[in-house]
């Protein structure tokens, strides 16, 4: 099964679509879930040691701050040349957070 099929299957599940029965967004208990999952997916596919990945999330006033922790030898891969990789990650995570009605910040821990 391809990654496109996985995404299409995920879109059809309640896990991906965060709506209550009345069509409103949820109560915020799992706000930022999609953004965290996108960040985890991207990081796991970039680094050499995916078991070392940790993501800290903190939500404040409609904004989620995600801090990505990776193995020391993988920090350069996540940042990329001139920061291009981390900028692309931030763009994708912001788009995912917008789905939940949030703004997102992604930081890479040293």
Foldseek 3Di string as FASTA:
>chain_A
DDPVVVVVVLVPDCVLVQADPVGHGDPCPCQLVQLVVLLLVLLCVQFPDSVQWDWDWDDDDQEIEIEIEHPPVRPCRCQDVVRPNVVVSQVVSQVRNVSSVGGYHYHYDD
